[in-house]
C-alpha atoms as a PDB file:
ATOM      1  CA  MET A   1      54.707  -5.884  95.980  1.00  0.00           C
ATOM      2  CA  TRP A   2      57.131  -3.581  94.088  1.00  0.00           C
ATOM      3  CA  GLY A   3      58.760  -6.571  92.410  1.00  0.00           C
ATOM      4  CA  GLU A   4      55.378  -7.775  91.152  1.00  0.00           C
ATOM      5  CA  TYR A   5      54.604  -4.412  89.553  1.00  0.00           C
ATOM      6  CA  GLU A   6      58.090  -4.270  88.092  1.00  0.00           C
ATOM      7  CA  ARG A   7      57.633  -7.689  86.456  1.00  0.00           C
ATOM      8  CA  ARG A   8      54.247  -6.667  85.042  1.00  0.00           C
ATOM      9  CA  VAL A   9      55.501  -3.541  83.273  1.00  0.00           C
ATOM     10  CA  ALA A  10      59.069  -4.583  82.352  1.00  0.00           C
ATOM     11  CA  GLY A  11      58.160  -5.635  78.806  1.00  0.00           C
ATOM     12  CA  GLN A  12      56.076  -2.545  78.130  1.00  0.00           C
ATOM     13  CA  ALA A  13      58.787  -0.267  79.526  1.00  0.00           C
ATOM     14  CA  ARG A  14      61.394  -1.906  77.289  1.00  0.00           C
ATOM     15  CA  GLU A  15      59.121  -1.465  74.249  1.00  0.00           C
ATOM     16  CA  LEU A  16      58.491   2.207  75.126  1.00  0.00           C
ATOM     17  CA  CYS A  17      62.231   2.842  75.489  1.00  0.00           C
ATOM     18  CA  GLU A  18      62.914   1.294  72.082  1.00  0.00           C
ATOM     19  CA  GLN A  19      60.212   3.416  70.434  1.00  0.00           C
ATOM     20  CA  LEU A  20      61.587   6.566  72.076  1.00  0.00           C
ATOM     21  CA  ARG A  21      65.109   5.689  70.941  1.00  0.00           C
ATOM     22  CA  LEU A  22      63.936   5.380  67.329  1.00  0.00           C
ATOM     23  CA  VAL A  23      61.976   8.663  67.455  1.00  0.00           C
ATOM     24  CA  LEU A  24      64.715  10.675  69.151  1.00  0.00           C
ATOM     25  CA  GLU A  25      67.591   9.349  67.037  1.00  0.00           C
ATOM     26  CA  PRO A  26      69.408  12.286  65.444  1.00  0.00           C
ATOM     27  CA  THR A  27      68.911  12.581  61.704  1.00  0.00           C
ATOM     28  CA  MET A  28      70.305  16.024  60.908  1.00  0.00           C
ATOM     29  CA  ALA A  29      73.967  15.968  59.983  1.00  0.00           C
ATOM     30  CA  THR A  30      75.960  18.878  61.381  1.00  0.00           C
ATOM     31  CA  LYS A  31      79.444  17.516  61.994  1.00  0.00           C
ATOM     32  CA  MET A  32      82.000  17.849  59.228  1.00  0.00           C
ATOM     33  CA  ARG A  33      84.011  15.103  57.547  1.00  0.00           C
ATOM     34  CA  GLY A  34      86.810  15.758  55.097  1.00  0.00           C
ATOM     35  CA  ASP A  35      88.616  14.561  51.951  1.00  0.00           C
ATOM     36  CA  TYR A  36      86.154  15.640  49.249  1.00  0.00           C
ATOM     37  CA  LYS A  37      86.728  17.496  45.961  1.00  0.00           C
ATOM     38  CA  SER A  38      83.894  19.908  46.774  1.00  0.00           C
ATOM     39  CA  GLY A  39      82.186  20.947  49.965  1.00  0.00           C
ATOM     40  CA  LYS A  40      81.362  23.665  52.427  1.00  0.00           C
ATOM     41  CA  ARG A  41      84.613  24.243  54.353  1.00  0.00           C
ATOM     42  CA  ILE A  42      88.300  23.777  53.695  1.00  0.00           C
ATOM     43  CA  ASN A  43      90.106  21.146  55.754  1.00  0.00           C
ATOM     44  CA  LEU A  44      93.135  23.065  57.030  1.00  0.00           C
ATOM     45  CA  LYS A  45      95.114  19.858  57.593  1.00  0.00           C
ATOM     46  CA  ARG A  46      95.033  19.229  53.821  1.00  0.00           C
ATOM     47  CA  ILE A  47      96.183  22.678  52.666  1.00  0.00           C
ATOM     48  CA  ILE A  48      99.971  22.123  52.991  1.00  0.00           C
ATOM     49  CA  PRO A  49      99.972  18.777  51.102  1.00  0.00           C
ATOM     50  CA  PHE A  50      97.681  20.382  48.481  1.00  0.00           C
ATOM     51  CA  ILE A  51     100.142  23.217  47.852  1.00  0.00           C
ATOM     52  CA  ALA A  52     103.144  20.848  47.991  1.00  0.00           C
ATOM     53  CA  SER A  53     101.576  18.594  45.346  1.00  0.00           C
ATOM     54  CA  GLN A  54     101.377  21.564  42.962  1.00  0.00           C
ATOM     55  CA  PHE A  55      97.585  21.706  43.324  1.00  0.00           C
ATOM     56  CA  LYS A  56      96.973  18.096  42.207  1.00  0.00           C
ATOM     57  CA  ARG A  57      95.674  16.534  45.420  1.00  0.00           C
ATOM     58  CA  ASP A  58      92.507  18.572  45.552  1.00  0.00           C
ATOM     59  CA  LYS A  59      90.549  16.642  48.186  1.00  0.00           C
ATOM     60  CA  ILE A  60      90.713  19.501  50.662  1.00  0.00           C
ATOM     61  CA  TRP A  61      87.018  20.128  51.327  1.00  0.00           C
ATOM     62  CA  MET A  62      84.791  19.080  54.218  1.00  0.00           C
ATOM     63  CA  ARG A  63      81.079  18.241  54.120  1.00  0.00           C
ATOM     64  CA  ARG A  64      78.381  17.755  56.699  1.00  0.00           C
ATOM     65  CA  SER A  65      78.088  14.022  57.126  1.00  0.00           C
ATOM     66  CA  LEU A  66      77.983  12.927  60.787  1.00  0.00           C
ATOM     67  CA  PRO A  67      74.744  13.058  62.796  1.00  0.00           C
ATOM     68  CA  VAL A  68      74.670  15.104  65.956  1.00  0.00           C
ATOM     69  CA  LYS A  69      74.584  13.348  69.280  1.00  0.00           C
ATOM     70  CA  ARG A  70      71.829  14.994  71.283  1.00  0.00           C
ATOM     71  CA  THR A  71      70.800  14.570  74.883  1.00  0.00           C
ATOM     72  CA  TYR A  72      67.169  14.573  75.937  1.00  0.00           C
ATOM     73  CA  ARG A  73      65.477  14.718  79.298  1.00  0.00           C
ATOM     74  CA  ILE A  74      62.212  12.822  79.406  1.00  0.00           C
ATOM     75  CA  LEU A  75      59.898  12.912  82.401  1.00  0.00           C
ATOM     76  CA  LEU A  76      57.268  10.219  82.671  1.00  0.00           C
ATOM     77  CA  ALA A  77      54.607  10.991  85.272  1.00  0.00           C
ATOM     78  CA  VAL A  78      52.160   8.364  86.468  1.00  0.00           C
ATOM     79  CA  ASP A  79      49.082   9.403  88.405  1.00  0.00           C
ATOM     80  CA  ASN A  80      47.833   6.519  90.489  1.00  0.00           C
ATOM     81  CA  SER A  81      45.286   8.510  92.487  1.00  0.00           C
ATOM     82  CA  ARG A  82      41.635   7.565  92.394  1.00  0.00           C
ATOM     83  CA  SER A  83      40.720  10.947  90.878  1.00  0.00           C
ATOM     84  CA  MET A  84      41.781   9.693  87.416  1.00  0.00           C
ATOM     85  CA  SER A  85      39.293   6.818  87.428  1.00  0.00           C
END
């Protein structure tokens, strides 16, 4: 009996999971990436080569560019009691 119900809802469950994945996909960039001429923070790994090049290699800045990986907990409750009908 369980297998029958599982076959009936498998397609709908897959579609729901895909819709949730699209909605919950992170869009706000908070991680930093480097090698820019302007930005928010200085990339400390680039400071020594910047000074050694007599201030010519000026790509020492970092910007926010990578989306955050978030974790979500989703609870799906199904009431199969006769009180809902």
